[in-house]
């Protein structure tokens, strides 16, 4: 069983610990967090060993369990400065997840119980998909995307890096959600959602636009979806 360290000892980490125990794909050997008041304590039955910088000296895969895409991106940047590259990151996919033919999940990504990726779905690095997210054929998610429970995408939807989709949001087929965009809980998206905008409602409409195209301070652009998997472009008409 592969060893793994979880970084950020909050609610998502407790959910991931529970999910890993159910699935049995990793041995969680510790938590790392900047909050010194947590050091030495148990969170979800796992010891907080110290700060994230300890990851460089511990032989284990890594999962960044910060809830926001921007926070995960910041941790990954810090660890990269310590010489920790992409090969160190684990992937956790709950045993109940359905991954269809041709689907790919990037390093550092977490898929919790009941998620479905039907066919030829591409999920980037360090994404978090909460329970019962449904991705249908040819959907593409950029790095650091966060999807709350019950999100459903129609086919051929592209979600830009750092975007956030709230609980039970639905997206019509063939749409694009831009980098750092936010779609509110329960929303029904019927047209493209531009980068850095916050939309909500049924049908969803813009509520706010954030300076610099970053909604809620979420992750910077990093790789575009086309840069993530260039060999896949045009492969699934």
C-alpha atoms as a PDB file:
ATOM      1  CA  UNK A   1       0.000   0.000   0.000  1.00  0.00           C
ATOM      2  CA  UNK A   2       1.445   3.365  -1.044  1.00  0.00           C
ATOM      3  CA  UNK A   3       2.288   5.874   1.693  1.00  0.00           C
ATOM      4  CA  UNK A   4       0.750   9.343   1.465  1.00  0.00           C
ATOM      5  CA  UNK A   5       0.971  12.642   3.347  1.00  0.00           C
ATOM      6  CA  UNK A   6      -1.952  15.055   3.359  1.00  0.00           C
ATOM      7  CA  UNK A   7      -1.216  18.771   3.353  1.00  0.00           C
ATOM      8  CA  UNK A   8      -3.733  21.143   5.030  1.00  0.00           C
ATOM      9  CA  UNK A   9      -5.466  19.619   8.055  1.00  0.00           C
ATOM     10  CA  UNK A  10      -8.990  20.949   7.573  1.00  0.00           C
ATOM     11  CA  UNK A  11     -12.371  19.543   6.667  1.00  0.00           C
ATOM     12  CA  UNK A  12     -11.338  18.276   3.241  1.00  0.00           C
ATOM     13  CA  UNK A  13      -8.430  16.366   4.786  1.00  0.00           C
ATOM     14  CA  UNK A  14     -10.833  14.597   7.155  1.00  0.00           C
ATOM     15  CA  UNK A  15     -13.043  13.676   4.208  1.00  0.00           C
ATOM     16  CA  UNK A  16     -10.061  12.367   2.264  1.00  0.00           C
ATOM     17  CA  UNK A  17      -8.861  10.319   5.260  1.00  0.00           C
ATOM     18  CA  UNK A  18     -12.293   8.715   5.503  1.00  0.00           C
ATOM     19  CA  UNK A  19     -12.400   8.085   1.754  1.00  0.00           C
ATOM     20  CA  UNK A  20      -8.931   6.512   1.742  1.00  0.00           C
ATOM     21  CA  UNK A  21      -9.871   4.238   4.627  1.00  0.00           C
ATOM     22  CA  UNK A  22     -12.952   3.081   2.737  1.00  0.00           C
ATOM     23  CA  UNK A  23     -11.031   2.438  -0.465  1.00  0.00           C
ATOM     24  CA  UNK A  24      -7.732   1.218   1.014  1.00  0.00           C
ATOM     25  CA  UNK A  25      -5.556   2.649  -1.766  1.00  0.00           C
ATOM     26  CA  UNK A  26      -3.091   4.471   0.509  1.00  0.00           C
ATOM     27  CA  UNK A  27      -1.598   4.447   3.980  1.00  0.00           C
ATOM     28  CA  UNK A  28      -1.974   7.975   5.410  1.00  0.00           C
ATOM     29  CA  UNK A  29       1.243   8.452   7.372  1.00  0.00           C
ATOM     30  CA  UNK A  30       0.634  11.999   8.543  1.00  0.00           C
ATOM     31  CA  UNK A  31      -0.759  15.479   8.017  1.00  0.00           C
ATOM     32  CA  UNK A  32       1.175  18.687   7.415  1.00  0.00           C
ATOM     33  CA  UNK A  33      -0.183  22.156   8.174  1.00  0.00           C
ATOM     34  CA  UNK A  34       1.108  25.678   8.783  1.00  0.00           C
ATOM     35  CA  UNK A  35      -1.021  26.033  11.924  1.00  0.00           C
ATOM     36  CA  UNK A  36       1.456  25.326  14.714  1.00  0.00           C
ATOM     37  CA  UNK A  37      -1.367  24.847  17.220  1.00  0.00           C
ATOM     38  CA  UNK A  38      -2.244  21.637  15.355  1.00  0.00           C
ATOM     39  CA  UNK A  39       1.262  20.189  15.407  1.00  0.00           C
ATOM     40  CA  UNK A  40       1.324  16.931  17.352  1.00  0.00           C
ATOM     41  CA  UNK A  41      -2.464  16.675  17.468  1.00  0.00           C
ATOM     42  CA  UNK A  42      -4.701  14.085  15.810  1.00  0.00           C
ATOM     43  CA  UNK A  43      -7.022  15.191  13.029  1.00  0.00           C
ATOM     44  CA  UNK A  44      -9.307  12.481  11.734  1.00  0.00           C
ATOM     45  CA  UNK A  45      -7.192  10.004  13.655  1.00  0.00           C
ATOM     46  CA  UNK A  46      -3.985  11.068  11.856  1.00  0.00           C
ATOM     47  CA  UNK A  47      -1.107  12.947  13.488  1.00  0.00           C
ATOM     48  CA  UNK A  48      -0.183  16.451  12.328  1.00  0.00           C
ATOM     49  CA  UNK A  49       3.589  16.141  12.016  1.00  0.00           C
ATOM     50  CA  UNK A  50       4.491  19.767  11.364  1.00  0.00           C
ATOM     51  CA  UNK A  51       4.574  22.274   8.531  1.00  0.00           C
ATOM     52  CA  UNK A  52       4.456  21.557   4.793  1.00  0.00           C
ATOM     53  CA  UNK A  53       8.215  21.985   4.454  1.00  0.00           C
ATOM     54  CA  UNK A  54       8.643  18.570   6.122  1.00  0.00           C
ATOM     55  CA  UNK A  55       7.312  16.963   2.942  1.00  0.00           C
ATOM     56  CA  UNK A  56      10.766  17.219   1.368  1.00  0.00           C
ATOM     57  CA  UNK A  57      12.218  14.804   3.929  1.00  0.00           C
ATOM     58  CA  UNK A  58       9.443  12.203   4.177  1.00  0.00           C
ATOM     59  CA  UNK A  59       9.229   9.317   1.726  1.00  0.00           C
ATOM     60  CA  UNK A  60       5.545   9.438   0.768  1.00  0.00           C
ATOM     61  CA  UNK A  61       3.239  10.683  -1.941  1.00  0.00           C
ATOM     62  CA  UNK A  62       1.440  13.974  -1.414  1.00  0.00           C
ATOM     63  CA  UNK A  63      -2.160  15.173  -1.613  1.00  0.00           C
ATOM     64  CA  UNK A  64      -2.891  18.863  -1.047  1.00  0.00           C
ATOM     65  CA  UNK A  65      -6.219  19.044   0.806  1.00  0.00           C
ATOM     66  CA  UNK A  66      -6.863  22.776   0.840  1.00  0.00           C
ATOM     67  CA  UNK A  67     -10.436  23.480  -0.198  1.00  0.00           C
ATOM     68  CA  UNK A  68      -9.817  26.438  -2.540  1.00  0.00           C
ATOM     69  CA  UNK A  69      -7.967  26.057  -5.809  1.00  0.00           C
ATOM     70  CA  UNK A  70      -5.858  29.140  -5.053  1.00  0.00           C
ATOM     71  CA  UNK A  71      -4.738  27.650  -1.724  1.00  0.00           C
ATOM     72  CA  UNK A  72      -3.767  24.369  -3.381  1.00  0.00           C
ATOM     73  CA  UNK A  73      -1.847  26.285  -6.027  1.00  0.00           C
ATOM     74  CA  UNK A  74       0.039  28.249  -3.377  1.00  0.00           C
ATOM     75  CA  UNK A  75       1.062  25.059  -1.559  1.00  0.00           C
ATOM     76  CA  UNK A  76       2.213  23.423  -4.793  1.00  0.00           C
ATOM     77  CA  UNK A  77       4.301  26.522  -5.581  1.00  0.00           C
ATOM     78  CA  UNK A  78       5.905  26.413  -2.124  1.00  0.00           C
ATOM     79  CA  UNK A  79       6.766  22.758  -2.472  1.00  0.00           C
ATOM     80  CA  UNK A  80       8.143  23.273  -5.964  1.00  0.00           C
ATOM     81  CA  UNK A  81      10.536  25.834  -4.495  1.00  0.00           C
ATOM     82  CA  UNK A  82      11.751  23.050  -2.171  1.00  0.00           C
ATOM     83  CA  UNK A  83      12.464  20.800  -5.146  1.00  0.00           C
ATOM     84  CA  UNK A  84       9.255  18.748  -4.958  1.00  0.00           C
ATOM     85  CA  UNK A  85       8.036  18.042  -8.468  1.00  0.00           C
ATOM     86  CA  UNK A  86       4.946  16.576 -10.088  1.00  0.00           C
ATOM     87  CA  UNK A  87       6.107  12.986  -9.608  1.00  0.00           C
ATOM     88  CA  UNK A  88       5.631  13.245  -5.826  1.00  0.00           C
ATOM     89  CA  UNK A  89       1.879  13.770  -5.997  1.00  0.00           C
ATOM     90  CA  UNK A  90      -0.515  10.908  -5.444  1.00  0.00           C
ATOM     91  CA  UNK A  91      -4.044  10.616  -6.831  1.00  0.00           C
ATOM     92  CA  UNK A  92      -7.011   9.453  -4.776  1.00  0.00           C
ATOM     93  CA  UNK A  93     -10.065   8.010  -6.508  1.00  0.00           C
ATOM     94  CA  UNK A  94     -12.697   6.523  -4.195  1.00  0.00           C
ATOM     95  CA  UNK A  95     -13.561   2.938  -4.961  1.00  0.00           C
ATOM     96  CA  UNK A  96     -17.111   3.837  -5.963  1.00  0.00           C
ATOM     97  CA  UNK A  97     -15.994   6.259  -8.688  1.00  0.00           C
ATOM     98  CA  UNK A  98     -16.799   5.241 -12.255  1.00  0.00           C
ATOM     99  CA  UNK A  99     -14.027   6.115 -14.717  1.00  0.00           C
ATOM    100  CA  UNK A 100     -15.036   5.383 -18.294  1.00  0.00           C
ATOM    101  CA  UNK A 101     -12.825   4.374 -21.189  1.00  0.00           C
ATOM    102  CA  UNK A 102     -10.308   6.989 -22.282  1.00  0.00           C
ATOM    103  CA  UNK A 103     -10.627   9.040 -19.107  1.00  0.00           C
ATOM    104  CA  UNK A 104      -7.557  10.464 -17.350  1.00  0.00           C
ATOM    105  CA  UNK A 105      -7.058  11.926 -13.873  1.00  0.00           C
ATOM    106  CA  UNK A 106      -4.045  14.156 -13.206  1.00  0.00           C
ATOM    107  CA  UNK A 107      -1.609  13.954 -10.302  1.00  0.00           C
ATOM    108  CA  UNK A 108      -2.704  15.396  -6.971  1.00  0.00           C
ATOM    109  CA  UNK A 109      -6.392  15.127  -7.867  1.00  0.00           C
ATOM    110  CA  UNK A 110      -9.050  13.845  -5.441  1.00  0.00           C
ATOM    111  CA  UNK A 111     -12.330  12.214  -6.516  1.00  0.00           C
ATOM    112  CA  UNK A 112     -14.680  11.404  -3.651  1.00  0.00           C
ATOM    113  CA  UNK A 113     -17.496   8.847  -3.482  1.00  0.00           C
ATOM    114  CA  UNK A 114     -19.988   8.460  -6.280  1.00  0.00           C
ATOM    115  CA  UNK A 115     -18.272  10.585  -8.919  1.00  0.00           C
ATOM    116  CA  UNK A 116     -18.693   9.460 -12.531  1.00  0.00           C
ATOM    117  CA  UNK A 117     -16.630  10.220 -15.634  1.00  0.00           C
ATOM    118  CA  UNK A 118     -18.424   8.481 -18.467  1.00  0.00           C
ATOM    119  CA  UNK A 119     -16.045   8.471 -21.441  1.00  0.00           C
ATOM    120  CA  UNK A 120     -12.908  10.301 -22.611  1.00  0.00           C
ATOM    121  CA  UNK A 121     -12.979  12.751 -19.703  1.00  0.00           C
ATOM    122  CA  UNK A 122      -9.758  14.613 -18.884  1.00  0.00           C
ATOM    123  CA  UNK A 123      -9.269  15.935 -15.333  1.00  0.00           C
ATOM    124  CA  UNK A 124      -6.235  18.102 -14.618  1.00  0.00           C
ATOM    125  CA  UNK A 125      -3.823  18.191 -11.690  1.00  0.00           C
ATOM    126  CA  UNK A 126      -4.785  19.060  -8.109  1.00  0.00           C
ATOM    127  CA  UNK A 127      -8.520  19.113  -8.798  1.00  0.00           C
ATOM    128  CA  UNK A 128     -11.050  18.284  -6.086  1.00  0.00           C
ATOM    129  CA  UNK A 129     -14.352  16.650  -6.991  1.00  0.00           C
ATOM    130  CA  UNK A 130     -16.707  16.247  -4.074  1.00  0.00           C
ATOM    131  CA  UNK A 131     -19.256  13.383  -3.905  1.00  0.00           C
ATOM    132  CA  UNK A 132     -21.575  12.606  -6.831  1.00  0.00           C
ATOM    133  CA  UNK A 133     -20.016  14.867  -9.440  1.00  0.00           C
ATOM    134  CA  UNK A 134     -20.979  13.724 -12.948  1.00  0.00           C
ATOM    135  CA  UNK A 135     -18.708  14.385 -15.924  1.00  0.00           C
ATOM    136  CA  UNK A 136     -19.981  13.184 -19.292  1.00  0.00           C
ATOM    137  CA  UNK A 137     -18.195  12.434 -22.539  1.00  0.00           C
ATOM    138  CA  UNK A 138     -15.254  14.597 -23.580  1.00  0.00           C
ATOM    139  CA  UNK A 139     -15.393  16.992 -20.618  1.00  0.00           C
ATOM    140  CA  UNK A 140     -12.065  18.664 -19.836  1.00  0.00           C
ATOM    141  CA  UNK A 141     -11.062  20.173 -16.502  1.00  0.00           C
ATOM    142  CA  UNK A 142      -8.015  22.386 -16.040  1.00  0.00           C
ATOM    143  CA  UNK A 143      -5.661  22.302 -13.061  1.00  0.00           C
ATOM    144  CA  UNK A 144      -6.916  23.297  -9.568  1.00  0.00           C
ATOM    145  CA  UNK A 145     -10.610  23.064 -10.469  1.00  0.00           C
ATOM    146  CA  UNK A 146     -12.981  22.545  -7.523  1.00  0.00           C
ATOM    147  CA  UNK A 147     -16.433  20.987  -7.905  1.00  0.00           C
ATOM    148  CA  UNK A 148     -18.795  20.763  -4.943  1.00  0.00           C
ATOM    149  CA  UNK A 149     -21.157  17.846  -4.375  1.00  0.00           C
ATOM    150  CA  UNK A 150     -23.674  17.027  -7.072  1.00  0.00           C
ATOM    151  CA  UNK A 151     -22.248  19.097  -9.934  1.00  0.00           C
ATOM    152  CA  UNK A 152     -23.238  17.753 -13.361  1.00  0.00           C
ATOM    153  CA  UNK A 153     -21.664  18.624 -16.718  1.00  0.00           C
ATOM    154  CA  UNK A 154     -23.078  17.811 -20.123  1.00  0.00           C
ATOM    155  CA  UNK A 155     -20.780  16.538 -22.850  1.00  0.00           C
ATOM    156  CA  UNK A 156     -17.810  18.445 -24.273  1.00  0.00           C
ATOM    157  CA  UNK A 157     -17.706  21.034 -21.486  1.00  0.00           C
ATOM    158  CA  UNK A 158     -14.369  22.762 -20.857  1.00  0.00           C
ATOM    159  CA  UNK A 159     -13.633  24.098 -17.365  1.00  0.00           C
ATOM    160  CA  UNK A 160     -10.674  26.457 -17.044  1.00  0.00           C
ATOM    161  CA  UNK A 161      -7.974  26.254 -14.368  1.00  0.00           C
ATOM    162  CA  UNK A 162      -8.966  27.361 -10.872  1.00  0.00           C
ATOM    163  CA  UNK A 163     -12.705  27.483 -11.574  1.00  0.00           C
ATOM    164  CA  UNK A 164     -15.179  26.677  -8.789  1.00  0.00           C
ATOM    165  CA  UNK A 165     -18.609  25.091  -9.297  1.00  0.00           C
ATOM    166  CA  UNK A 166     -21.012  25.093  -6.346  1.00  0.00           C
ATOM    167  CA  UNK A 167     -23.252  22.305  -5.072  1.00  0.00           C
ATOM    168  CA  UNK A 168     -25.703  20.846  -7.583  1.00  0.00           C
ATOM    169  CA  UNK A 169     -24.746  23.255 -10.352  1.00  0.00           C
ATOM    170  CA  UNK A 170     -25.593  22.016 -13.855  1.00  0.00           C
ATOM    171  CA  UNK A 171     -23.841  22.909 -17.113  1.00  0.00           C
ATOM    172  CA  UNK A 172     -25.284  22.398 -20.588  1.00  0.00           C
ATOM    173  CA  UNK A 173     -23.209  20.516 -23.162  1.00  0.00           C
ATOM    174  CA  UNK A 174     -20.598  22.255 -25.365  1.00  0.00           C
ATOM    175  CA  UNK A 175     -20.002  25.197 -23.015  1.00  0.00           C
ATOM    176  CA  UNK A 176     -16.780  26.735 -21.683  1.00  0.00           C
ATOM    177  CA  UNK A 177     -16.147  27.991 -18.145  1.00  0.00           C
ATOM    178  CA  UNK A 178     -13.193  30.345 -17.958  1.00  0.00           C
ATOM    179  CA  UNK A 179     -10.156  30.455 -15.719  1.00  0.00           C
ATOM    180  CA  UNK A 180     -10.992  31.337 -12.108  1.00  0.00           C
ATOM    181  CA  UNK A 181     -14.729  31.601 -12.784  1.00  0.00           C
ATOM    182  CA  UNK A 182     -17.347  30.757 -10.129  1.00  0.00           C
ATOM    183  CA  UNK A 183     -20.740  29.129 -10.733  1.00  0.00           C
ATOM    184  CA  UNK A 184     -23.007  29.329  -7.700  1.00  0.00           C
ATOM    185  CA  UNK A 185     -24.794  26.431  -6.026  1.00  0.00           C
ATOM    186  CA  UNK A 186     -27.897  25.153  -7.762  1.00  0.00           C
ATOM    187  CA  UNK A 187     -27.195  27.209 -10.885  1.00  0.00           C
ATOM    188  CA  UNK A 188     -28.107  26.152 -14.417  1.00  0.00           C
ATOM    189  CA  UNK A 189     -25.516  27.349 -16.940  1.00  0.00           C
ATOM    190  CA  UNK A 190     -26.842  27.732 -20.493  1.00  0.00           C
ATOM    191  CA  UNK A 191     -24.071  29.889 -22.018  1.00  0.00           C
ATOM    192  CA  UNK A 192     -20.308  30.271 -21.727  1.00  0.00           C
ATOM    193  CA  UNK A 193     -19.082  31.680 -18.404  1.00  0.00           C
ATOM    194  CA  UNK A 194     -16.149  34.084 -18.958  1.00  0.00           C
ATOM    195  CA  UNK A 195     -12.934  33.949 -16.949  1.00  0.00           C
ATOM    196  CA  UNK A 196     -12.995  35.643 -13.562  1.00  0.00           C
ATOM    197  CA  UNK A 197     -16.748  36.136 -13.382  1.00  0.00           C
ATOM    198  CA  UNK A 198     -19.209  34.950 -10.718  1.00  0.00           C
ATOM    199  CA  UNK A 199     -22.530  33.642 -12.053  1.00  0.00           C
ATOM    200  CA  UNK A 200     -25.577  32.162 -10.339  1.00  0.00           C
ATOM    201  CA  UNK A 201     -29.250  31.444 -10.890  1.00  0.00           C
ATOM    202  CA  UNK A 202     -31.523  29.505 -13.236  1.00  0.00           C
ATOM    203  CA  UNK A 203     -30.615  30.367 -15.884  1.00  0.00           C
ATOM    204  CA  UNK A 204     -27.270  31.578 -14.525  1.00  0.00           C
ATOM    205  CA  UNK A 205     -26.364  35.250 -14.951  1.00  0.00           C
ATOM    206  CA  UNK A 206     -23.344  37.318 -13.953  1.00  0.00           C
ATOM    207  CA  UNK A 207     -23.274  38.611 -10.370  1.00  0.00           C
ATOM    208  CA  UNK A 208     -19.747  40.025 -10.205  1.00  0.00           C
ATOM    209  CA  UNK A 209     -16.513  40.455 -12.106  1.00  0.00           C
ATOM    210  CA  UNK A 210     -13.178  40.370 -10.299  1.00  0.00           C
ATOM    211  CA  UNK A 211     -10.138  42.512 -11.169  1.00  0.00           C
ATOM    212  CA  UNK A 212      -7.509  40.697 -13.153  1.00  0.00           C
ATOM    213  CA  UNK A 213      -9.853  37.885 -14.127  1.00  0.00           C
ATOM    214  CA  UNK A 214      -9.469  35.967 -10.858  1.00  0.00           C
ATOM    215  CA  UNK A 215     -12.692  34.987  -9.160  1.00  0.00           C
ATOM    216  CA  UNK A 216     -12.396  34.701  -5.365  1.00  0.00           C
ATOM    217  CA  UNK A 217      -8.620  34.905  -5.768  1.00  0.00           C
ATOM    218  CA  UNK A 218      -8.614  31.411  -7.210  1.00  0.00           C
ATOM    219  CA  UNK A 219      -5.745  29.760  -9.009  1.00  0.00           C
ATOM    220  CA  UNK A 220      -3.804  31.536 -11.747  1.00  0.00           C
ATOM    221  CA  UNK A 221      -4.150  30.259 -15.279  1.00  0.00           C
ATOM    222  CA  UNK A 222      -1.187  27.842 -15.246  1.00  0.00           C
ATOM    223  CA  UNK A 223      -1.738  25.361 -18.052  1.00  0.00           C
ATOM    224  CA  UNK A 224      -4.726  25.878 -20.289  1.00  0.00           C
ATOM    225  CA  UNK A 225      -6.852  22.820 -20.945  1.00  0.00           C
ATOM    226  CA  UNK A 226      -5.378  22.510 -24.444  1.00  0.00           C
ATOM    227  CA  UNK A 227      -1.853  22.639 -23.028  1.00  0.00           C
ATOM    228  CA  UNK A 228      -2.668  19.882 -20.546  1.00  0.00           C
ATOM    229  CA  UNK A 229      -3.297  17.209 -23.150  1.00  0.00           C
ATOM    230  CA  UNK A 230      -2.183  18.439 -26.581  1.00  0.00           C
ATOM    231  CA  UNK A 231      -2.244  14.919 -27.984  1.00  0.00           C
ATOM    232  CA  UNK A 232      -5.982  14.747 -27.284  1.00  0.00           C
ATOM    233  CA  UNK A 233      -7.002  17.817 -29.264  1.00  0.00           C
ATOM    234  CA  UNK A 234      -9.518  16.848 -31.924  1.00  0.00           C
ATOM    235  CA  UNK A 235      -9.351  13.190 -30.923  1.00  0.00           C
ATOM    236  CA  UNK A 236     -12.995  12.987 -29.893  1.00  0.00           C
ATOM    237  CA  UNK A 237     -15.207  14.917 -32.295  1.00  0.00           C
END
